[in-house]
């Protein structure tokens, strides 16, 4: 099967040098702040997709636009300070990803437009008023909603029909948890799966959290906290013989059994389009929240074999990628 890598290798040049040419500001050149919840290396693919999107719209980094990227290295507590640093640089807009980070940026920057490059249901979590007309100063791309999570749960059940109980790994700091878990419970009731919510506060909780799903399956929500620890979580699930479903291909590539989610390059390219419109004078509250149109389903057969599972042929045919 064709193997598409996670956007990573294209960004080497961006990592080697600052995006603002020679650290000098051209008078009148707009600045875009980017707060990445991950490390510089883990952010490289997403940042390159964003820059590629800006270039396709005619922007030239270091000449017609200056990019100030900051990295939280998987520590949510660093996001407010990084956001305030960008605010002191008088950036015209801030781009970030994940409900927790979006909320943190909003809380410490009272007047800077914010573009979310993926987040939980923005209406359900109160970030915006409606998808069609967000209001306020936040717009962007919605990353995960009840439809995506419901589909992920159904795929896990189809892959492992005996699954009757699933532990749902959630970042305790994410304000979207309550809303999303309620929606997943409704899906679980329909397909005969009991859900158990497992809240995690940090990396030290991972072992006990995964152990809490023992005897069933594991569904891990998309979150910067889990992305940083994706290899560890996948390994813990395998050691405890847990069929696992993750939101996003990088998790299956890290050893998770299954993944379902959006294409990150599409999300960051769409975010670039919204930044372009804001820099040209549009108000973020007038720009509708965009939703991904492409989703991919990945099966890791190496993990299935290690778990002693046989994936139904009909499900293999539906996969966009099979890791062997």
Protein backbone atom coordinates (compact mmCIF):
# COMPACT_ATOMS: atom_id res chain seq x y z
CA UNK A 1 0.00 0.00 0.00
CA UNK A 2 1.07 3.56 -0.57
CA UNK A 3 2.64 5.08 2.52
CA UNK A 4 2.26 8.80 2.96
CA UNK A 5 4.51 10.26 5.58
CA UNK A 6 3.28 12.78 8.12
CA UNK A 7 4.24 15.97 6.34
CA UNK A 8 7.54 15.90 8.15
CA UNK A 9 10.47 15.94 5.78
CA UNK A 10 9.43 19.02 3.83
CA UNK A 11 10.19 21.44 6.60
CA UNK A 12 13.93 20.96 7.12
CA UNK A 13 14.75 24.38 5.75
CA UNK A 14 12.28 26.02 8.11
CA UNK A 15 13.97 24.41 11.09
CA UNK A 16 17.42 25.55 10.08
CA UNK A 17 16.76 29.28 9.96
CA UNK A 18 14.32 31.83 11.39
CA UNK A 19 11.34 32.65 9.20
CA UNK A 20 11.80 36.38 9.51
CA UNK A 21 14.75 37.17 7.27
CA UNK A 22 17.87 38.02 9.31
CA UNK A 23 15.62 38.94 12.23
CA UNK A 24 14.87 42.26 10.57
CA UNK A 25 11.41 43.71 10.24
CA UNK A 26 10.34 45.43 7.08
CA UNK A 27 8.21 48.43 7.90
CA UNK A 28 4.53 47.67 7.33
CA UNK A 29 5.04 43.93 6.75
CA UNK A 30 2.36 41.93 8.63
CA UNK A 31 3.35 39.42 11.30
CA UNK A 32 1.74 36.06 11.89
CA UNK A 33 2.27 34.37 15.24
CA UNK A 34 2.06 30.57 15.45
CA UNK A 35 1.79 28.74 18.77
CA UNK A 36 2.57 25.05 18.33
CA UNK A 37 1.66 22.82 21.30
CA UNK A 38 4.35 20.32 20.23
CA UNK A 39 8.12 20.41 19.85
CA UNK A 40 9.82 22.14 16.94
CA UNK A 41 10.52 18.80 15.26
CA UNK A 42 7.00 17.47 15.75
CA UNK A 43 5.57 20.74 14.38
CA UNK A 44 7.68 20.80 11.22
CA UNK A 45 5.20 19.10 8.89
CA UNK A 46 2.23 21.18 9.99
CA UNK A 47 4.22 24.40 9.80
CA UNK A 48 5.44 23.59 6.31
CA UNK A 49 1.86 22.88 5.17
CA UNK A 50 0.83 26.25 6.58
CA UNK A 51 3.70 28.05 4.85
CA UNK A 52 2.97 26.25 1.61
CA UNK A 53 -0.62 27.44 1.86
CA UNK A 54 0.51 31.03 2.34
CA UNK A 55 2.94 30.79 -0.57
CA UNK A 56 0.16 29.53 -2.84
CA UNK A 57 -1.73 32.74 -2.01
CA UNK A 58 1.21 34.93 -2.97
CA UNK A 59 2.83 35.53 0.41
CA UNK A 60 6.63 35.38 0.66
CA UNK A 61 8.00 34.67 4.13
CA UNK A 62 10.58 37.19 5.22
CA UNK A 63 9.47 39.66 2.54
CA UNK A 64 5.70 40.19 2.44
CA UNK A 65 4.92 38.37 5.70
CA UNK A 66 6.91 37.61 8.86
CA UNK A 67 6.28 34.37 10.74
CA UNK A 68 6.94 34.12 14.47
CA UNK A 69 6.64 30.48 15.54
CA UNK A 70 6.77 29.36 19.17
CA UNK A 71 6.77 25.81 20.55
CA UNK A 72 5.22 24.64 23.83
CA UNK A 73 7.05 21.27 23.71
CA UNK A 74 3.96 19.40 24.86
CA UNK A 75 3.49 21.59 27.94
CA UNK A 76 0.11 23.31 27.99
CA UNK A 77 1.25 25.60 30.81
CA UNK A 78 3.72 27.27 28.41
CA UNK A 79 1.04 28.39 25.92
CA UNK A 80 -0.07 31.54 27.81
CA UNK A 81 3.48 32.84 28.14
CA UNK A 82 4.27 32.17 24.48
CA UNK A 83 1.04 33.91 23.48
CA UNK A 84 1.90 36.98 25.55
CA UNK A 85 5.34 37.03 23.95
CA UNK A 86 3.75 37.08 20.50
CA UNK A 87 1.35 39.81 21.61
CA UNK A 88 4.33 41.93 22.67
CA UNK A 89 5.68 41.56 19.14
CA UNK A 90 2.40 43.05 17.87
CA UNK A 91 1.51 40.17 15.59
CA UNK A 92 -1.54 40.69 13.39
CA UNK A 93 -3.00 37.22 13.98
CA UNK A 94 -2.17 34.11 16.01
CA UNK A 95 -2.60 30.57 14.70
CA UNK A 96 -2.77 27.60 17.08
CA UNK A 97 -4.27 24.11 17.36
CA UNK A 98 -6.28 22.27 19.99
CA UNK A 99 -9.12 23.50 22.18
CA UNK A 100 -6.94 23.91 25.25
CA UNK A 101 -4.36 26.02 23.42
CA UNK A 102 -7.00 28.07 21.61
CA UNK A 103 -8.67 28.91 24.90
CA UNK A 104 -5.33 29.83 26.49
CA UNK A 105 -4.40 32.15 23.62
CA UNK A 106 -7.82 33.79 23.79
CA UNK A 107 -7.59 34.38 27.53
CA UNK A 108 -4.25 36.23 27.47
CA UNK A 109 -4.58 38.18 24.19
CA UNK A 110 -7.66 40.40 24.41
CA UNK A 111 -7.69 41.85 20.89
CA UNK A 112 -5.61 39.74 18.47
CA UNK A 113 -7.50 37.66 15.85
CA UNK A 114 -7.10 33.91 16.36
CA UNK A 115 -7.19 31.21 13.68
CA UNK A 116 -7.55 27.67 14.95
CA UNK A 117 -5.88 25.04 12.81
CA UNK A 118 -8.06 22.33 14.28
CA UNK A 119 -9.94 22.09 17.55
CA UNK A 120 -12.82 20.25 19.16
CA UNK A 121 -16.39 21.26 18.40
CA UNK A 122 -16.01 25.07 18.66
CA UNK A 123 -19.72 25.71 19.19
CA UNK A 124 -20.16 22.97 21.78
CA UNK A 125 -17.16 24.27 23.73
CA UNK A 126 -18.27 27.90 23.54
CA UNK A 127 -15.36 29.21 21.50
CA UNK A 128 -17.67 30.60 18.83
CA UNK A 129 -21.35 31.43 18.54
CA UNK A 130 -22.13 29.52 15.34
CA UNK A 131 -20.11 27.86 12.60
CA UNK A 132 -21.56 30.14 9.94
CA UNK A 133 -20.90 33.35 11.87
CA UNK A 134 -18.44 32.80 14.72
CA UNK A 135 -18.59 36.35 16.10
CA UNK A 136 -15.77 37.65 18.25
CA UNK A 137 -12.19 37.21 17.10
CA UNK A 138 -11.88 33.44 16.58
CA UNK A 139 -12.31 31.55 13.33
CA UNK A 140 -10.55 28.57 11.82
CA UNK A 141 -10.96 24.90 11.04
CA UNK A 142 -12.86 22.46 13.24
CA UNK A 143 -10.73 19.34 13.70
CA UNK A 144 -12.79 16.82 15.63
CA UNK A 145 -16.53 16.68 16.16
CA UNK A 146 -19.07 14.13 17.26
CA UNK A 147 -19.33 12.67 13.74
CA UNK A 148 -15.60 11.87 13.57
CA UNK A 149 -15.51 10.33 17.04
CA UNK A 150 -18.69 8.35 16.42
CA UNK A 151 -17.25 6.95 13.19
CA UNK A 152 -14.00 6.07 14.95
CA UNK A 153 -15.91 4.14 17.60
CA UNK A 154 -17.90 2.27 14.95
CA UNK A 155 -14.71 1.31 13.08
CA UNK A 156 -13.14 -0.04 16.28
CA UNK A 157 -16.23 -2.15 16.94
CA UNK A 158 -16.20 -3.44 13.36
CA UNK A 159 -12.53 -4.34 13.55
CA UNK A 160 -12.94 -6.14 16.90
CA UNK A 161 -16.62 -7.19 17.17
CA UNK A 162 -16.14 -8.69 20.64
CA UNK A 163 -15.37 -5.22 22.04
CA UNK A 164 -18.08 -4.35 24.57
CA UNK A 165 -16.24 -1.80 26.71
CA UNK A 166 -14.01 1.04 25.57
CA UNK A 167 -11.93 3.40 27.68
CA UNK A 168 -11.82 6.92 26.24
CA UNK A 169 -8.55 8.73 26.93
CA UNK A 170 -9.12 12.49 27.42
CA UNK A 171 -6.95 15.41 28.46
CA UNK A 172 -8.39 16.56 31.78
CA UNK A 173 -7.65 20.20 30.87
CA UNK A 174 -9.62 20.10 27.62
CA UNK A 175 -12.94 21.96 27.97
CA UNK A 176 -14.41 19.94 25.07
CA UNK A 177 -14.39 16.69 27.06
CA UNK A 178 -17.85 16.77 28.56
CA UNK A 179 -19.58 17.68 25.33
CA UNK A 180 -17.70 15.16 23.20
CA UNK A 181 -18.00 12.28 25.66
CA UNK A 182 -21.75 12.75 25.89
CA UNK A 183 -22.03 12.50 22.12
CA UNK A 184 -19.86 9.37 22.04
CA UNK A 185 -21.96 7.68 24.72
CA UNK A 186 -24.99 8.10 22.46
CA UNK A 187 -23.17 6.31 19.63
CA UNK A 188 -21.94 3.62 21.99
CA UNK A 189 -25.48 2.90 23.14
CA UNK A 190 -26.53 2.29 19.54
CA UNK A 191 -23.69 -0.11 18.66
CA UNK A 192 -23.56 -1.91 22.00
CA UNK A 193 -20.38 -0.46 23.47
CA UNK A 194 -20.09 0.85 27.03
CA UNK A 195 -17.77 3.83 27.33
CA UNK A 196 -15.53 4.61 30.29
CA UNK A 197 -14.08 8.11 30.52
CA UNK A 198 -10.40 8.28 31.53
CA UNK A 199 -9.09 11.78 32.26
CA UNK A 200 -5.34 12.35 32.08
CA UNK A 201 -3.49 15.35 33.54
CA UNK A 202 0.00 14.70 32.21
CA UNK A 203 2.58 12.23 31.01
CA UNK A 204 2.96 10.69 34.47
CA UNK A 205 -0.65 9.48 34.29
CA UNK A 206 -0.33 7.50 31.05
CA UNK A 207 0.48 4.07 32.47
CA UNK A 208 -2.40 4.08 34.94
CA UNK A 209 -4.76 5.63 32.37
CA UNK A 210 -4.17 2.95 29.75
CA UNK A 211 -4.39 0.26 32.42
CA UNK A 212 -7.86 1.61 33.20
CA UNK A 213 -9.09 0.31 29.84
CA UNK A 214 -7.83 -3.25 30.50
CA UNK A 215 -10.23 -5.93 29.30
CA UNK A 216 -11.81 -3.77 26.62
CA UNK A 217 -10.65 -1.35 23.95
CA UNK A 218 -9.02 2.08 23.96
CA UNK A 219 -10.09 5.22 22.09
CA UNK A 220 -7.61 8.10 22.31
CA UNK A 221 -8.85 11.58 21.42
CA UNK A 222 -6.78 13.99 19.37
CA UNK A 223 -4.87 16.22 21.76
CA UNK A 224 -1.36 17.74 21.85
CA UNK A 225 -0.73 15.92 25.13
CA UNK A 226 -1.39 12.55 23.53
CA UNK A 227 0.43 13.43 20.33
CA UNK A 228 3.65 13.99 22.25
CA UNK A 229 3.22 10.60 23.98
CA UNK A 230 1.74 8.71 21.01
CA UNK A 231 4.50 6.06 20.79
CA UNK A 232 4.31 5.42 24.51
CA UNK A 233 0.49 5.14 24.51
CA UNK A 234 0.50 2.77 21.54
CA UNK A 235 3.15 0.62 23.26
CA UNK A 236 1.22 0.56 26.53
CA UNK A 237 -1.96 -0.48 24.72
CA UNK A 238 -0.11 -3.28 22.94
CA UNK A 239 1.49 -4.54 26.15
CA UNK A 240 -1.92 -4.68 27.80
CA UNK A 241 -3.47 -6.40 24.77
CA UNK A 242 -5.82 -3.49 24.08
CA UNK A 243 -7.23 -2.89 20.58
CA UNK A 244 -6.73 0.85 20.10
CA UNK A 245 -8.29 3.55 17.95
CA UNK A 246 -6.67 6.97 17.60
CA UNK A 247 -7.72 10.18 15.86
CA UNK A 248 -5.11 10.84 13.15
CA UNK A 249 -2.67 8.82 11.03
CA UNK A 250 0.51 9.65 13.04
CA UNK A 251 -0.86 7.55 15.90
CA UNK A 252 -1.27 4.43 13.73
CA UNK A 253 2.23 5.04 12.38
CA UNK A 254 3.41 5.12 16.00
CA UNK A 255 1.97 1.65 16.59
CA UNK A 256 -1.73 2.18 17.27
CA UNK A 257 -4.03 -0.48 15.82
CA UNK A 258 -6.39 1.91 14.02
CA UNK A 259 -6.68 5.59 13.25
CA UNK A 260 -9.36 7.74 11.70
CA UNK A 261 -9.23 11.45 11.12
CA UNK A 262 -8.61 14.40 8.90
CA UNK A 263 -5.63 15.16 6.67
CA UNK A 264 -3.50 17.64 8.57
CA UNK A 265 -2.10 19.21 5.42
CA UNK A 266 -5.64 20.15 4.39
CA UNK A 267 -6.36 21.70 7.79
CA UNK A 268 -3.22 23.85 7.83
CA UNK A 269 -3.71 24.92 4.22
CA UNK A 270 -7.24 26.03 5.08
CA UNK A 271 -5.89 27.90 8.11
CA UNK A 272 -3.49 29.71 5.78
CA UNK A 273 -6.43 30.77 3.65
CA UNK A 274 -8.19 32.28 6.64
CA UNK A 275 -5.02 34.09 7.73
CA UNK A 276 -4.74 35.49 4.21
CA UNK A 277 -8.27 36.93 4.42
CA UNK A 278 -7.66 38.44 7.87
CA UNK A 279 -4.43 40.09 6.75
CA UNK A 280 -6.38 41.56 3.83
CA UNK A 281 -8.94 43.14 6.13
CA UNK A 282 -11.63 40.54 6.94
CA UNK A 283 -12.90 40.28 10.49
CA UNK A 284 -12.45 36.78 11.96
CA UNK A 285 -15.94 36.83 13.43
CA UNK A 286 -17.36 37.17 9.91
CA UNK A 287 -15.42 34.21 8.49
CA UNK A 288 -17.30 30.90 8.80
CA UNK A 289 -15.64 28.04 10.63
CA UNK A 290 -14.44 25.58 7.99
CA UNK A 291 -14.74 21.82 8.32
CA UNK A 292 -12.50 19.20 6.72
CA UNK A 293 -13.88 17.34 3.73
CA UNK A 294 -11.31 14.52 3.56
CA UNK A 295 -10.83 11.79 6.14
CA UNK A 296 -8.56 8.79 6.18
CA UNK A 297 -8.75 5.41 7.85
CA UNK A 298 -5.49 3.61 8.64
CA UNK A 299 -4.97 0.03 9.86
CA UNK A 300 -1.70 -1.15 11.38
CA UNK A 301 -1.52 -4.86 10.52
CA UNK A 302 1.75 -5.26 12.42
CA UNK A 303 -0.08 -4.29 15.60
CA UNK A 304 -3.07 -6.49 14.70
CA UNK A 305 -0.76 -9.47 14.31
CA UNK A 306 0.94 -8.71 17.62
CA UNK A 307 -2.50 -8.65 19.28
CA UNK A 308 -3.54 -11.88 17.56
CA UNK A 309 -6.36 -10.13 15.71
CA UNK A 310 -7.69 -10.84 12.25
CA UNK A 311 -9.06 -7.69 10.64
CA UNK A 312 -12.16 -8.40 8.50
CA UNK A 313 -11.33 -8.27 4.76
CA UNK A 314 -14.22 -5.87 4.18
CA UNK A 315 -12.63 -3.41 6.60
CA UNK A 316 -9.21 -3.76 4.98
CA UNK A 317 -10.77 -2.76 1.67
CA UNK A 318 -12.12 0.42 3.24
CA UNK A 319 -8.73 1.51 4.59
CA UNK A 320 -6.89 4.38 2.95
CA UNK A 321 -3.59 2.97 4.21
CA UNK A 322 -2.53 -0.39 5.61
CA UNK A 323 0.73 -0.54 7.53
CA UNK A 324 2.33 -3.98 7.11
